Protein backbone atom coordinates (compact mmCIF):
# COMPACT_ATOMS: atom_id res chain seq x y z
CA MET A 1 149.40 59.93 30.34
CA ASP A 2 150.57 58.41 33.63
CA THR A 3 149.68 55.03 33.63
CA ASN A 4 151.41 54.35 37.22
CA LEU A 5 147.86 56.05 38.60
CA PHE A 6 146.79 52.87 38.47
CA GLU A 7 148.99 50.23 38.83
CA LYS A 8 148.59 49.95 42.79
CA PHE A 9 145.09 49.32 42.03
CA LEU A 10 145.67 46.35 39.11
CA GLU A 11 148.67 44.70 41.54
CA ARG A 12 145.78 44.21 44.25
CA GLU A 13 144.23 41.05 44.81
CA PRO A 14 140.51 41.66 43.84
CA LEU A 15 137.62 40.63 46.67
CA PHE A 16 134.87 40.70 44.08
CA ILE A 17 133.84 37.86 41.64
CA ASN A 18 130.58 39.68 40.15
CA LYS A 19 129.98 42.73 41.75
CA LYS A 20 126.42 42.87 39.48
CA VAL A 21 124.99 40.81 41.85
CA LEU A 22 125.20 43.50 44.59
CA GLN A 23 123.53 46.21 42.24
CA SER A 24 119.62 47.44 42.53
CA ASP A 25 119.06 46.36 38.56
CA TYR A 26 120.32 42.74 39.04
CA SER A 27 117.18 40.22 38.55
CA PRO A 28 118.55 36.75 40.54
CA GLU A 29 116.82 33.65 39.43
CA THR A 30 115.11 33.37 42.96
CA ILE A 31 113.67 35.64 44.98
CA PRO A 32 114.08 34.71 49.07
CA HIS A 33 111.03 35.46 51.21
CA ARG A 34 108.57 36.51 48.47
CA GLN A 35 107.07 33.50 47.66
CA ILE A 36 103.82 34.06 48.97
CA GLN A 37 103.60 37.20 47.07
CA ILE A 38 104.92 35.66 43.71
CA ASN A 39 101.69 33.19 44.32
CA GLN A 40 99.52 35.81 44.74
CA ILE A 41 100.42 38.01 41.51
CA ALA A 42 100.58 34.80 39.45
CA GLU A 43 97.04 33.87 40.83
CA ILE A 44 96.10 37.32 39.82
CA LEU A 45 97.26 37.00 36.50
CA ALA A 46 96.75 33.77 35.48
CA PRO A 47 93.49 34.52 33.53
CA SER A 48 95.70 36.39 31.03
CA LEU A 49 96.63 32.69 29.60
CA ARG A 50 93.61 32.32 28.47
CA LEU A 51 93.14 36.02 27.38
CA ASP A 52 90.86 36.87 29.80
CA LYS A 53 91.45 39.93 31.04
CA PRO A 54 92.71 39.97 34.62
CA SER A 55 91.99 42.39 37.69
CA ASN A 56 93.88 45.74 37.89
CA LEU A 57 96.58 45.37 40.75
CA PHE A 58 97.64 47.70 43.15
CA ILE A 59 101.07 47.16 45.00
CA TYR A 60 102.11 49.11 48.12
CA GLY A 61 105.12 48.61 50.16
CA LYS A 62 108.28 50.58 51.02
CA THR A 63 111.40 50.89 49.39
CA GLY A 64 113.56 47.76 49.15
CA SER A 65 110.47 45.48 50.23
CA GLY A 66 111.15 43.71 46.49
CA LYS A 67 107.65 44.84 45.15
CA THR A 68 109.62 45.91 41.60
CA LEU A 69 111.74 42.79 41.58
CA THR A 70 109.12 40.51 42.78
CA VAL A 71 106.52 41.91 39.78
CA LEU A 72 108.88 41.70 36.98
CA HIS A 73 110.21 37.87 38.04
CA THR A 74 106.30 36.68 37.91
CA THR A 75 105.36 38.71 34.68
CA ASN A 76 108.96 37.27 32.97
CA LYS A 77 107.36 33.96 33.93
CA LEU A 78 103.97 34.60 32.22
CA THR A 79 105.81 35.90 29.20
CA THR A 80 107.49 33.06 28.84
CA LEU A 81 104.41 30.46 29.36
CA ALA A 82 102.46 32.61 26.94
CA GLN A 83 105.19 32.45 24.06
CA GLN A 84 105.67 28.38 24.68
CA ARG A 85 101.51 28.79 24.26
CA ASN A 86 101.52 31.33 21.57
CA THR A 87 99.38 33.25 23.81
CA PRO A 88 99.25 36.85 22.31
CA ILE A 89 100.24 38.66 26.00
CA LYS A 90 102.81 42.19 26.40
CA ILE A 91 103.94 43.34 28.72
CA LEU A 92 105.07 47.12 28.74
CA TYR A 93 106.70 47.89 31.90
CA LEU A 94 107.88 52.07 32.61
CA ASN A 95 109.21 53.38 35.89
CA CYS A 96 107.23 56.78 36.20
CA LYS A 97 110.27 58.66 38.37
CA LEU A 98 112.05 58.81 35.15
CA LYS A 99 112.75 62.23 33.83
CA LYS A 100 112.04 62.83 30.13
CA VAL A 101 110.21 59.76 29.88
CA ALA A 102 107.26 59.79 31.99
CA ASP A 103 107.28 63.84 33.07
CA THR A 104 104.11 64.64 30.63
CA GLU A 105 101.12 62.86 29.04
CA TYR A 106 102.74 62.82 25.73
CA ARG A 107 105.94 61.65 26.95
CA LEU A 108 104.61 58.73 28.45
CA LEU A 109 102.51 57.54 25.91
CA ALA A 110 105.11 58.20 23.45
CA GLN A 111 107.76 55.65 25.50
CA LEU A 112 104.41 53.27 25.45
CA LEU A 113 104.19 53.12 21.94
CA ARG A 114 108.10 52.78 21.08
CA ASP A 115 107.81 49.55 23.57
CA LEU A 116 105.07 48.38 21.13
CA GLY A 117 107.51 48.67 18.13
CA LYS A 118 105.33 52.47 17.29
CA GLU A 119 107.62 54.90 16.39
CA VAL A 120 106.38 58.51 17.12
CA PRO A 121 107.68 61.81 16.98
CA PRO A 122 109.21 63.14 20.71
CA THR A 123 107.26 66.09 20.47
CA GLY A 124 104.27 67.79 18.21
CA LEU A 125 101.17 65.58 18.31
CA PRO A 126 98.43 67.02 19.97
CA THR A 127 98.00 64.95 23.02
CA GLU A 128 94.28 63.61 22.24
CA GLU A 129 95.78 62.53 18.87
CA ILE A 130 99.06 60.08 20.54
CA TYR A 131 96.28 58.76 22.81
CA LYS A 132 94.46 57.65 19.50
CA THR A 133 97.71 56.07 18.07
CA PHE A 134 98.09 53.90 21.54
CA PHE A 135 94.93 52.63 21.40
CA SER A 136 95.14 51.71 17.79
CA THR A 137 98.52 50.44 18.18
CA ILE A 138 97.04 47.78 20.99
CA ASP A 139 93.60 47.15 19.28
CA GLN A 140 95.79 46.14 15.84
CA GLU A 141 94.94 42.22 17.32
CA LYS A 142 93.49 40.30 19.52
CA GLN A 143 95.97 40.73 22.67
CA LEU A 144 96.23 41.15 26.26
CA VAL A 145 99.01 44.01 27.13
CA ILE A 146 99.60 44.34 31.07
CA LEU A 147 100.97 47.58 31.89
CA VAL A 148 103.65 47.69 34.78
CA LEU A 149 103.29 51.69 36.22
CA ASP A 150 105.93 51.78 38.76
CA GLU A 151 106.04 54.52 41.28
CA ILE A 152 102.68 55.09 39.97
CA ASP A 153 102.47 58.04 42.75
CA GLU A 154 104.97 60.31 40.89
CA LEU A 155 103.15 60.03 37.95
CA VAL A 156 99.95 61.47 39.60
CA LYS A 157 102.40 64.29 41.11
CA LYS A 158 103.46 65.24 37.79
CA MET A 159 100.28 65.28 35.41
CA GLY A 160 97.19 64.43 38.50
CA ASP A 161 94.98 61.28 37.93
CA ASP A 162 93.46 61.95 34.88
CA VAL A 163 96.11 60.14 33.05
CA LEU A 164 94.74 57.15 35.11
CA TYR A 165 91.51 57.62 34.29
CA ASN A 166 92.34 57.21 31.25
CA PHE A 167 94.37 54.04 31.02
CA THR A 168 91.41 52.34 33.42
CA ARG A 169 88.86 53.72 31.07
CA ILE A 170 90.36 52.38 27.80
CA ASN A 171 88.95 48.65 27.63
CA ALA A 172 85.44 50.23 26.64
CA GLU A 173 87.00 51.56 23.43
CA LEU A 174 89.50 48.77 22.65
CA LYS A 175 87.62 46.26 20.11
CA LYS A 176 90.39 43.46 20.15
CA ALA A 177 92.48 43.89 23.09
CA GLN A 178 92.19 44.44 26.67
CA LEU A 179 94.52 46.06 28.92
CA SER A 180 95.06 45.60 32.43
CA ILE A 181 97.29 47.95 34.70
CA ILE A 182 99.55 46.74 37.93
CA GLY A 183 100.50 50.34 39.67
CA ILE A 184 103.39 50.25 42.39
CA SER A 185 103.92 52.56 44.90
CA ASN A 186 106.01 53.27 47.84
CA ASP A 187 103.28 55.51 49.39
CA LEU A 188 101.01 53.65 51.19
CA ILE A 189 98.47 56.27 51.38
CA PHE A 190 98.62 57.39 47.56
CA ALA A 191 95.14 56.16 46.61
CA ASP A 192 93.16 57.31 49.14
CA ASN A 193 94.10 60.73 47.49
CA LEU A 194 92.56 59.55 44.09
CA ASP A 195 89.16 60.28 42.26
CA HIS A 196 86.98 57.77 43.66
CA ARG A 197 86.15 56.57 40.21
CA VAL A 198 90.10 56.06 39.59
CA LYS A 199 90.66 54.25 42.95
CA SER A 200 87.73 51.68 42.58
CA SER A 201 88.74 51.22 39.03
CA LEU A 202 92.51 50.83 39.99
CA SER A 203 92.55 49.01 43.05
CA GLU A 204 90.14 45.71 41.87
CA GLU A 205 93.00 43.75 43.51
CA GLU A 206 95.88 45.30 46.66
CA LEU A 207 99.04 43.94 47.79
CA VAL A 208 101.01 45.51 50.77
CA PHE A 209 104.61 43.82 50.86
CA PRO A 210 105.81 44.01 54.11
CA PRO A 211 109.66 44.83 55.13
CA TYR A 212 112.07 42.41 55.26
CA ASN A 213 113.34 41.66 59.14
CA ALA A 214 116.82 41.38 60.17
CA LEU A 215 117.07 37.41 59.43
CA GLN A 216 115.28 37.83 56.43
CA LEU A 217 117.83 40.64 54.60
CA GLN A 218 120.64 38.28 56.15
CA ASP A 219 119.41 35.51 53.89
CA ILE A 220 119.59 37.89 51.07
CA LEU A 221 122.80 38.94 51.71
CA ARG A 222 124.29 35.58 51.99
CA GLU A 223 122.77 34.09 48.67
CA ARG A 224 124.06 37.39 46.72
CA ALA A 225 127.58 37.56 48.78
CA LEU A 226 128.14 34.01 47.28
CA GLN A 227 128.02 35.06 43.84
CA ALA A 228 129.69 38.87 44.70
CA PHE A 229 132.82 37.89 46.24
CA LYS A 230 135.26 35.08 46.33
CA GLN A 231 135.90 32.93 49.15
CA GLY A 232 136.78 33.88 52.45
CA CYS A 233 136.68 37.65 51.70
CA VAL A 234 133.42 38.58 53.80
CA GLY A 235 134.24 38.50 57.72
CA SER A 236 132.65 37.55 60.28
CA GLY A 237 129.63 39.15 61.72
CA VAL A 238 129.99 41.38 58.56
CA ILE A 239 126.47 39.72 56.94
CA GLU A 240 124.42 39.96 60.57
CA LYS A 241 125.63 43.59 60.99
CA CYS A 242 124.48 44.49 57.37
CA GLY A 243 121.51 43.03 57.63
CA ALA A 244 120.85 45.07 61.26
CA TYR A 245 121.58 48.05 59.84
CA ALA A 246 118.98 47.77 57.04
CA ALA A 247 116.46 46.12 58.92
CA ARG A 248 116.50 49.64 61.13
CA GLU A 249 115.82 51.67 57.80
CA HIS A 250 112.62 49.94 57.15
CA GLY A 251 113.62 46.36 56.22
CA ASP A 252 115.03 48.27 52.69
CA ALA A 253 117.28 45.35 51.09
CA ARG A 254 118.36 47.62 48.26
CA ARG A 255 119.57 49.18 50.86
CA ALA A 256 121.34 46.12 52.28
CA LEU A 257 123.46 45.02 49.04
CA GLU A 258 124.34 49.09 48.34
CA LEU A 259 125.73 48.56 52.07
CA LEU A 260 127.58 45.17 51.39
CA ARG A 261 129.06 46.58 47.93
CA VAL A 262 130.41 49.67 48.91
CA ALA A 263 131.84 48.00 52.35
CA GLY A 264 133.21 45.43 49.62
CA GLU A 265 134.90 48.51 47.37
CA LEU A 266 135.91 50.29 50.39
CA ALA A 267 138.10 47.12 51.79
CA GLU A 268 139.14 46.64 47.78
CA ARG A 269 140.54 49.94 47.85
CA GLU A 270 142.36 49.30 50.75
CA GLY A 271 144.18 46.44 49.40
CA LEU A 272 142.44 44.43 52.52
CA GLY A 273 141.99 40.61 51.77
CA ALA A 274 138.47 40.36 53.40
CA VAL A 275 135.45 42.68 54.21
CA SER A 276 135.30 43.59 58.13
CA LEU A 277 133.00 45.53 60.38
CA GLY A 278 134.68 48.32 60.37
CA HIS A 279 134.20 48.68 56.37
CA LEU A 280 130.51 48.24 57.10
CA ASP A 281 130.21 51.52 59.50
CA LYS A 282 132.40 53.03 57.12
CA ALA A 283 130.10 52.22 54.11
CA GLU A 284 126.83 53.56 55.79
CA GLU A 285 128.81 56.92 56.65
CA LYS A 286 129.84 56.85 53.19
CA ILE A 287 126.43 56.47 51.23
CA GLU A 288 124.36 58.62 53.95
CA ARG A 289 127.01 61.79 53.80
CA ASP A 290 127.29 60.99 49.72
CA ARG A 291 123.42 61.10 49.34
CA VAL A 292 122.35 63.77 51.52
CA LEU A 293 125.23 65.67 52.82
CA ASP A 294 126.25 66.39 49.34
CA ILE A 295 123.28 67.58 48.19
CA VAL A 296 122.46 69.80 50.74
CA SER A 297 126.36 71.37 50.52
CA SER A 298 125.70 72.09 47.16
CA GLN A 299 122.02 74.17 47.76
CA PRO A 300 122.10 78.03 46.69
CA LYS A 301 121.81 79.97 50.15
CA GLN A 302 117.80 80.19 49.87
CA HIS A 303 117.45 76.41 49.54
CA GLN A 304 119.49 75.86 52.92
CA ALA A 305 117.65 78.85 54.92
CA ALA A 306 114.63 76.86 53.87
CA LEU A 307 115.72 73.65 54.91
CA TYR A 308 116.98 75.24 58.23
CA ALA A 309 114.09 76.78 58.85
CA LEU A 310 112.14 73.23 58.33
CA ILE A 311 114.80 71.16 60.32
CA TYR A 312 114.46 74.16 63.20
CA ILE A 313 110.82 73.23 63.69
CA HIS A 314 110.82 69.72 63.34
CA GLN A 315 113.42 69.46 65.99
CA LYS A 316 111.49 71.97 68.42
CA GLU A 317 108.03 70.53 67.37
CA LYS A 318 108.81 67.18 66.59
CA ARG A 319 105.73 66.89 64.29
CA ARG A 320 105.16 67.69 60.47
CA ILE A 321 105.07 71.04 59.64
CA PHE A 322 102.66 73.17 57.04
CA THR A 323 104.34 76.24 54.80
CA GLY A 324 102.76 79.00 56.44
CA GLU A 325 105.12 78.73 59.82
CA ALA A 326 108.29 77.35 58.07
CA TYR A 327 107.89 80.72 55.84
CA ASP A 328 107.35 82.88 59.14
CA TYR A 329 110.53 81.16 60.54
CA TYR A 330 112.57 81.44 57.27
CA LYS A 331 111.77 85.23 56.88
CA ASN A 332 112.98 85.58 60.07
CA LEU A 333 115.72 83.90 59.41
CA SER A 334 117.08 85.32 56.21
CA THR A 335 116.71 89.14 58.04
CA ALA A 336 119.00 87.50 60.80
CA ILE A 337 121.72 86.40 58.02
CA HIS A 338 121.13 89.21 55.32
CA LEU A 339 119.35 87.36 53.19
CA HIS A 340 116.89 88.98 51.24
CA PRO A 341 113.36 86.79 52.41
CA LEU A 342 111.45 85.23 48.90
CA THR A 343 108.06 85.47 48.40
CA GLN A 344 105.85 82.92 49.89
CA ARG A 345 105.35 81.26 46.32
CA ARG A 346 108.38 81.23 45.74
CA PHE A 347 109.26 79.64 48.90
CA SER A 348 106.86 76.62 48.27
CA ASP A 349 108.64 76.26 45.25
CA ILE A 350 111.87 75.51 46.65
CA ILE A 351 109.94 72.96 49.29
CA SER A 352 108.96 71.14 46.26
CA GLU A 353 112.55 71.00 44.64
CA LEU A 354 113.25 70.12 47.96
CA ASP A 355 110.71 67.33 47.72
CA MET A 356 112.04 65.88 44.53
CA LEU A 357 115.64 65.80 45.47
CA GLY A 358 114.20 63.21 48.35
CA ILE A 359 115.70 65.35 51.47
CA ILE A 360 111.95 66.09 52.37
CA ASN A 361 108.73 64.51 51.85
CA ALA A 362 105.81 66.98 51.11
CA LYS A 363 102.36 66.32 50.23
CA VAL A 364 99.71 68.94 49.30
CA LEU A 365 96.58 69.42 51.53
CA SER A 366 93.58 71.58 50.11
CA LYS A 367 91.86 73.63 52.50
CA GLY A 368 88.66 74.24 50.93
CA ARG A 369 87.86 77.83 50.46
CA TYR A 370 91.26 78.94 51.95
CA GLY A 371 93.78 77.34 49.48
CA ARG A 372 96.03 74.75 49.60
CA THR A 373 99.20 74.25 51.44
CA LYS A 374 101.69 71.50 51.75
CA GLU A 375 102.03 69.42 54.89
CA ILE A 376 106.42 68.14 55.21
CA ASP A 377 107.33 65.66 56.60
CA LEU A 378 111.49 65.00 57.82
CA SER A 379 111.70 61.62 57.75
CA LEU A 380 115.44 61.47 58.16
CA PRO A 381 117.55 59.23 61.07
CA GLN A 382 118.06 61.93 63.97
CA HIS A 383 121.92 61.61 63.53
CA LEU A 384 121.85 62.44 59.75
CA LEU A 385 119.54 65.23 61.03
CA THR A 386 122.21 66.74 63.39
CA ARG A 387 124.97 66.70 60.82
CA MET A 388 122.75 68.43 58.40
CA THR A 389 121.52 71.01 60.88
CA GLU A 390 125.63 71.39 61.85
CA LEU A 391 126.46 71.58 57.95
CA LEU A 392 123.80 74.41 57.29
CA GLN A 393 124.83 76.27 60.59
CA LYS A 394 127.93 76.41 59.26
CA ASP A 395 127.10 77.66 55.90
CA LEU A 396 124.66 80.09 56.84
CA HIS A 397 127.28 81.38 60.04
CA LEU A 398 124.97 80.97 62.11
CA SER A 399 127.64 79.10 64.54
């Protein structure tokens, strides 16, 4: 093996002390600008220290507004105090977006049982059986279980809201233990579409996390940068511009931290002594291109034609799109580029796949006896839509 490939890298002076503090899964000791929310969550959960069931809590807020970080921070403090007081409280955390963990009721319950120390086969038991096992495992002793369902809207997309109804009704069957639920969602109108029984049980308490503004993001970035970089390795104006970038994108702190990390990696790769404003611009371009354009360029032609139809209508009408009108344009486009048009059902499947990839947002709407349709929104920045259009036109030979 030619080790010379890596010698240049080893010869460069590193900029980072601890890059992990800029990663999305890092848990800081303090969470700036979220003390109000920490206090509110603590007040709601405090009765659990007397083994009184706290209200179910539903938390909304845009991506990167600190919801998960704040909940985990507060529940960790609760766990520590409970252990000191010998109070039997268990916190179960599950990210409902994870595949092979929360894509069926069985896998969801199997994962929760594993977290409770109970081994169950990955498949094979009837769903009713695994529910009984979950109930009996919780109810073996007097305890309070707090179930944190992160990205709970993904759970409902995959399974419907019956699983939530079962969780909200579980206390009626428990004799020794009690269960409370904390649901976390990026979708501000998610609960509006739930069965009214589930909504009333689940949303006993609600908190909405506001997005961070540019100044708050700068505080977060400064604090993390002090831990992540060597002194003097972040150039003038970088923190301010990074905060402004992320504030423009709905106050997403995760995005701000990712921008700073990637900018640092680019500067280090160039063998420079500090991160500059130019590195920040390159980082934003790289992140956007890598995340979205690379996905789009790798899609099959049928997917690309479907996406182009959505973008075309969105750019022309400046509104949300419905499946039927998008399909009509897609059919005409397919004929023009000598692509065999798929059925409307298969086209609808492609819309769902693009939604899962995060390129579009598709919501199923009921039209009563006229069936169902999807309402589609392209919530991407204009500059990215323009570049995506150019890429699709080139791949589909439209220009």
